[in-house]
Protein backbone atom coordinates (compact mmCIF):
# COMPACT_ATOMS: atom_id res chain seq x y z
CA UNK A 1 -2.97 18.57 -14.70
CA UNK A 2 -5.40 18.64 -11.78
CA UNK A 3 -8.10 16.67 -13.61
CA UNK A 4 -5.67 13.82 -14.29
CA UNK A 5 -4.61 13.50 -10.64
CA UNK A 6 -8.06 12.33 -9.49
CA UNK A 7 -9.84 10.80 -12.49
CA UNK A 8 -13.55 10.08 -12.33
CA UNK A 9 -13.14 6.33 -11.79
CA UNK A 10 -10.97 6.93 -8.72
CA UNK A 11 -13.24 9.59 -7.28
CA UNK A 12 -16.40 7.50 -7.79
CA UNK A 13 -14.90 4.76 -5.61
CA UNK A 14 -13.43 7.03 -2.94
CA UNK A 15 -16.35 9.43 -2.42
CA UNK A 16 -18.80 6.92 -0.82
CA UNK A 17 -16.12 5.88 1.69
CA UNK A 18 -15.28 9.32 3.03
CA UNK A 19 -16.55 10.08 6.55
CA UNK A 20 -19.10 12.89 6.90
CA UNK A 21 -17.79 16.29 7.84
CA UNK A 22 -18.67 17.77 11.22
CA UNK A 23 -21.78 19.95 11.13
CA UNK A 24 -21.09 23.66 10.67
CA UNK A 25 -21.99 26.07 13.41
CA UNK A 26 -25.15 28.13 12.90
CA UNK A 27 -23.51 31.32 14.14
CA UNK A 28 -20.08 32.30 12.88
CA UNK A 29 -19.70 29.22 10.67
CA UNK A 30 -16.41 30.42 9.23
CA UNK A 31 -15.11 29.59 5.79
CA UNK A 32 -16.68 26.95 3.62
CA UNK A 33 -14.68 23.70 3.81
CA UNK A 34 -12.50 22.79 0.86
CA UNK A 35 -14.02 20.33 -1.58
CA UNK A 36 -13.04 16.73 -0.80
CA UNK A 37 -11.98 16.04 -4.39
CA UNK A 38 -9.62 19.01 -4.32
CA UNK A 39 -8.12 17.74 -1.05
CA UNK A 40 -7.62 14.28 -2.56
CA UNK A 41 -6.03 15.98 -5.55
CA UNK A 42 -3.51 17.62 -3.21
CA UNK A 43 -2.72 14.30 -1.52
CA UNK A 44 -2.16 12.55 -4.85
CA UNK A 45 -0.02 15.48 -6.03
CA UNK A 46 2.33 15.06 -3.07
CA UNK A 47 2.31 11.28 -3.50
CA UNK A 48 3.28 11.48 -7.15
CA UNK A 49 5.63 14.47 -7.15
CA UNK A 50 7.30 13.96 -3.78
CA UNK A 51 7.15 17.67 -2.91
CA UNK A 52 6.67 18.97 0.61
CA UNK A 53 3.16 19.86 1.72
CA UNK A 54 3.91 23.57 1.76
CA UNK A 55 4.98 23.40 -1.90
CA UNK A 56 1.62 22.15 -3.18
CA UNK A 57 0.46 24.61 -5.90
CA UNK A 58 -2.94 25.64 -4.59
CA UNK A 59 -3.85 27.32 -7.91
CA UNK A 60 -3.53 24.02 -9.79
CA UNK A 61 -4.72 21.63 -7.11
CA UNK A 62 -7.54 23.66 -5.59
CA UNK A 63 -6.42 23.63 -1.96
CA UNK A 64 -3.38 24.32 0.16
CA UNK A 65 -0.94 21.63 1.19
CA UNK A 66 -1.86 22.09 4.84
CA UNK A 67 -5.50 21.34 4.06
CA UNK A 68 -4.53 18.28 2.03
CA UNK A 69 -2.39 17.03 4.92
CA UNK A 70 -5.25 17.48 7.39
CA UNK A 71 -7.63 15.51 5.16
CA UNK A 72 -4.99 12.79 4.79
CA UNK A 73 -4.79 12.57 8.58
CA UNK A 74 -8.58 12.55 8.96
CA UNK A 75 -9.21 9.96 6.26
CA UNK A 76 -6.35 7.74 7.37
CA UNK A 77 -7.64 7.67 10.94
CA UNK A 78 -11.11 6.84 9.55
CA UNK A 79 -9.73 3.81 7.67
CA UNK A 80 -10.64 5.01 4.17
CA UNK A 81 -7.70 3.43 2.34
CA UNK A 82 -8.13 -0.20 3.55
CA UNK A 83 -11.85 -0.03 2.72
CA UNK A 84 -11.04 1.30 -0.75
CA UNK A 85 -8.62 -1.60 -1.15
CA UNK A 86 -11.39 -4.08 -0.29
CA UNK A 87 -13.65 -2.53 -2.94
CA UNK A 88 -10.99 -2.66 -5.66
CA UNK A 89 -9.93 -6.24 -4.87
CA UNK A 90 -13.56 -7.36 -5.06
CA UNK A 91 -13.93 -5.69 -8.47
CA UNK A 92 -10.75 -7.33 -9.69
CA UNK A 93 -11.93 -10.74 -8.57
CA UNK A 94 -15.33 -10.25 -10.18
CA UNK A 95 -13.62 -9.32 -13.45
CA UNK A 96 -11.40 -12.42 -13.33
CA UNK A 97 -8.27 -10.29 -12.92
CA UNK A 98 -7.19 -11.55 -9.49
CA UNK A 99 -5.20 -14.80 -9.36
CA UNK A 100 -4.50 -15.84 -5.78
CA UNK A 101 -3.33 -19.37 -6.52
CA UNK A 102 0.23 -18.02 -6.36
CA UNK A 103 1.39 -15.16 -4.17
CA UNK A 104 4.82 -13.61 -3.58
CA UNK A 105 6.20 -11.67 -0.62
CA UNK A 106 9.17 -9.34 -0.23
CA UNK A 107 10.31 -6.09 1.40
CA UNK A 108 12.01 -2.86 0.38
CA UNK A 109 14.07 -0.50 2.53
CA UNK A 110 13.67 3.29 2.50
CA UNK A 111 15.50 6.00 4.42
CA UNK A 112 13.55 7.85 7.13
CA UNK A 113 14.78 11.43 7.36
CA UNK A 114 12.73 12.49 10.40
CA UNK A 115 12.76 9.25 12.37
CA UNK A 116 9.46 8.62 14.17
CA UNK A 117 7.56 5.39 14.84
CA UNK A 118 8.48 2.28 12.88
CA UNK A 119 12.03 3.41 12.15
CA UNK A 120 15.29 1.78 13.12
CA UNK A 121 18.99 1.58 12.26
CA UNK A 122 19.20 0.07 8.82
CA UNK A 123 21.72 -2.76 8.32
CA UNK A 124 21.97 -1.85 4.61
CA UNK A 125 22.44 1.91 5.04
CA UNK A 126 25.23 2.31 7.61
CA UNK A 127 22.80 2.16 10.54
CA UNK A 128 20.99 5.31 9.42
CA UNK A 129 17.34 5.50 10.43
CA UNK A 130 15.09 3.77 7.96
CA UNK A 131 11.84 1.90 7.46
CA UNK A 132 10.74 -1.13 5.47
CA UNK A 133 7.78 -1.65 3.18
CA UNK A 134 6.55 -5.25 3.32
CA UNK A 135 4.32 -6.41 0.49
CA UNK A 136 2.45 -9.50 -0.63
CA UNK A 137 1.03 -9.69 -4.17
CA UNK A 138 -0.91 -12.12 -6.35
CA UNK A 139 0.41 -13.82 -9.48
CA UNK A 140 -0.02 -10.62 -11.52
CA UNK A 141 1.62 -8.31 -8.97
CA UNK A 142 -1.63 -6.91 -7.57
CA UNK A 143 -1.05 -5.74 -3.97
CA UNK A 144 -2.94 -7.91 -1.48
CA UNK A 145 -1.54 -6.51 1.77
CA UNK A 146 1.17 -4.08 2.86
CA UNK A 147 2.80 -3.13 6.15
CA UNK A 148 5.42 -0.75 7.54
CA UNK A 149 8.16 -1.60 10.04
CA UNK A 150 11.49 -0.26 11.22
CA UNK A 151 14.49 -0.72 8.97
CA UNK A 152 16.09 -3.17 11.40
CA UNK A 153 13.17 -5.62 11.48
CA UNK A 154 13.78 -8.97 9.82
CA UNK A 155 11.66 -9.67 6.76
CA UNK A 156 10.34 -12.96 8.12
CA UNK A 157 8.69 -11.26 11.10
CA UNK A 158 6.06 -9.85 8.74
CA UNK A 159 5.32 -13.12 6.95
CA UNK A 160 2.40 -14.24 9.12
CA UNK A 161 1.05 -10.70 9.81
CA UNK A 162 0.90 -10.03 6.06
CA UNK A 163 -0.91 -13.30 5.37
CA UNK A 164 -3.36 -12.42 8.14
CA UNK A 165 -3.84 -8.93 6.69
CA UNK A 166 -5.11 -10.20 3.32
CA UNK A 167 -8.79 -9.16 3.35
CA UNK A 168 -11.66 -11.55 2.70
CA UNK A 169 -12.14 -10.73 -0.98
CA UNK A 170 -15.65 -10.95 -2.36
CA UNK A 171 -16.74 -10.38 -5.94
CA UNK A 172 -17.88 -13.92 -6.80
CA UNK A 173 -20.52 -16.24 -5.43
CA UNK A 174 -19.41 -18.45 -2.60
CA UNK A 175 -16.98 -17.85 0.21
CA UNK A 176 -14.69 -14.83 0.07
CA UNK A 177 -11.10 -15.64 -0.85
CA UNK A 178 -8.47 -14.68 1.72
CA UNK A 179 -5.46 -16.92 1.25
CA UNK A 180 -3.30 -18.10 -1.66
CA UNK A 181 -2.54 -21.73 -2.41
CA UNK A 182 1.21 -21.18 -2.74
CA UNK A 183 3.52 -18.51 -1.33
CA UNK A 184 6.85 -17.69 -2.99
CA UNK A 185 9.64 -15.98 -1.05
CA UNK A 186 13.40 -15.51 -1.18
CA UNK A 187 16.09 -16.83 1.17
CA UNK A 188 15.35 -14.22 3.82
CA UNK A 189 12.24 -16.21 4.75
CA UNK A 190 14.04 -19.57 5.00
CA UNK A 191 13.06 -20.75 8.50
CA UNK A 192 11.46 -24.11 9.23
CA UNK A 193 9.31 -22.56 11.96
CA UNK A 194 7.65 -20.21 9.47
CA UNK A 195 7.24 -22.93 6.90
CA UNK A 196 5.22 -24.85 9.48
CA UNK A 197 3.14 -21.76 10.28
CA UNK A 198 2.42 -21.18 6.60
CA UNK A 199 1.39 -24.81 6.10
CA UNK A 200 -0.87 -24.58 9.14
CA UNK A 201 -2.83 -21.93 7.23
CA UNK A 202 -3.37 -24.31 4.33
CA UNK A 203 -0.74 -22.60 2.14
CA UNK A 204 2.16 -24.37 0.46
CA UNK A 205 5.43 -22.48 1.11
CA UNK A 206 7.77 -22.11 -1.87
CA UNK A 207 10.73 -20.54 -0.11
CA UNK A 208 14.27 -20.59 -1.49
CA UNK A 209 16.82 -22.36 0.71
CA UNK A 210 19.90 -20.56 1.95
CA UNK A 211 23.15 -21.86 0.59
CA UNK A 212 21.65 -23.11 -2.66
CA UNK A 213 22.92 -21.59 -5.91
CA UNK A 214 20.84 -19.10 -7.84
CA UNK A 215 18.69 -20.41 -10.63
CA UNK A 216 16.29 -22.46 -8.51
CA UNK A 217 13.44 -21.35 -10.77
CA UNK A 218 11.51 -19.54 -8.02
CA UNK A 219 12.53 -16.20 -9.47
CA UNK A 220 10.30 -16.80 -12.47
CA UNK A 221 7.31 -16.52 -10.15
CA UNK A 222 8.70 -14.21 -7.46
CA UNK A 223 9.73 -11.38 -9.80
CA UNK A 224 6.21 -9.94 -9.81
CA UNK A 225 6.61 -8.55 -6.29
CA UNK A 226 9.83 -6.80 -7.31
CA UNK A 227 8.01 -5.26 -10.25
CA UNK A 228 5.27 -4.02 -7.92
CA UNK A 229 7.91 -2.34 -5.75
CA UNK A 230 9.16 -0.63 -8.92
CA UNK A 231 5.61 0.62 -9.54
CA UNK A 232 5.39 1.90 -5.96
CA UNK A 233 8.69 3.74 -6.29
CA UNK A 234 7.24 5.67 -9.23
CA UNK A 235 5.36 7.53 -6.50
CA UNK A 236 8.23 9.76 -5.42
CA UNK A 237 6.87 10.38 -1.92
CA UNK A 238 7.43 6.69 -1.11
CA UNK A 239 11.13 6.61 -2.04
CA UNK A 240 12.10 8.42 1.18
CA UNK A 241 10.00 8.60 4.30
CA UNK A 242 9.35 12.22 5.28
CA UNK A 243 6.35 11.71 7.58
CA UNK A 244 7.12 11.42 11.27
CA UNK A 245 3.79 9.72 11.87
CA UNK A 246 3.95 6.13 10.72
CA UNK A 247 0.21 5.91 10.09
CA UNK A 248 0.32 8.77 7.58
CA UNK A 249 3.20 7.24 5.63
CA UNK A 250 1.36 3.91 5.65
CA UNK A 251 -1.76 5.71 4.44
CA UNK A 252 0.17 7.11 1.48
CA UNK A 253 1.54 3.63 0.79
CA UNK A 254 -1.96 2.14 0.89
CA UNK A 255 -3.27 4.84 -1.45
CA UNK A 256 -0.49 4.04 -3.94
CA UNK A 257 -1.44 0.34 -3.77
CA UNK A 258 -5.05 1.29 -4.48
CA UNK A 259 -4.02 3.30 -7.54
CA UNK A 260 -2.06 0.27 -8.81
CA UNK A 261 -5.19 -1.89 -8.36
CA UNK A 262 -7.24 0.67 -10.27
CA UNK A 263 -4.74 0.66 -13.12
CA UNK A 264 -5.15 -3.11 -13.31
CA UNK A 265 -8.90 -2.65 -13.65
CA UNK A 266 -8.48 -0.09 -16.41
CA UNK A 267 -6.47 -2.50 -18.56
CA UNK A 268 -9.52 -4.77 -18.73
CA UNK A 269 -11.79 -2.12 -20.27
């Protein structure tokens, strides 16, 4: 099981991005640090299985859950996951697997059991504390950018921040690509102000109008973002927010997006 959690192609891309460990003391150096691959294995185990950190099977994974959590904190603060995302998006573009002519945006609500930053009373869950995952994807459902907000934040507030968060994607000669040509969204984003802001970025907004009947045809393009949310919810740790620290939950979310990008690369082999 442990070998499948961190396959070679994932580890080969993560390892060069990890920050160096602090130098060991000459006198009384203490225990040898746990191998980084074993720590990543523990993080992915929690991400996939949804278990608590103390329930990580150290015999199978190779480290304790506490150690895995500490490495998650250290690597998240060092910005490992966004840099890994840049690498994978560049590989996808070089392989002709990234189509940014059309993009779709949406959000998904999750319950937050321990509250913390970026939580709020959810209007869809009887005002219980919750958070929202906001996601923008390309035509194939590849994650381009993701963010985390409180459950009471309106979807449209993350429209421009998500567009701004799309990295400058290399992989081909010429200028890096960082914006789609068209953006598809549901009725929750139907505001003239935001249409103007999207157009000002050189992007054509394809946003459904409120009050119009279903069957506008936009769903044939927008469904890819809903499918990507279904992929993300296969990672059980993301179905409910257990982390009090918002940056650690966002780090897990970014890691899951990176794994989805890697799966897309594997289908081309």
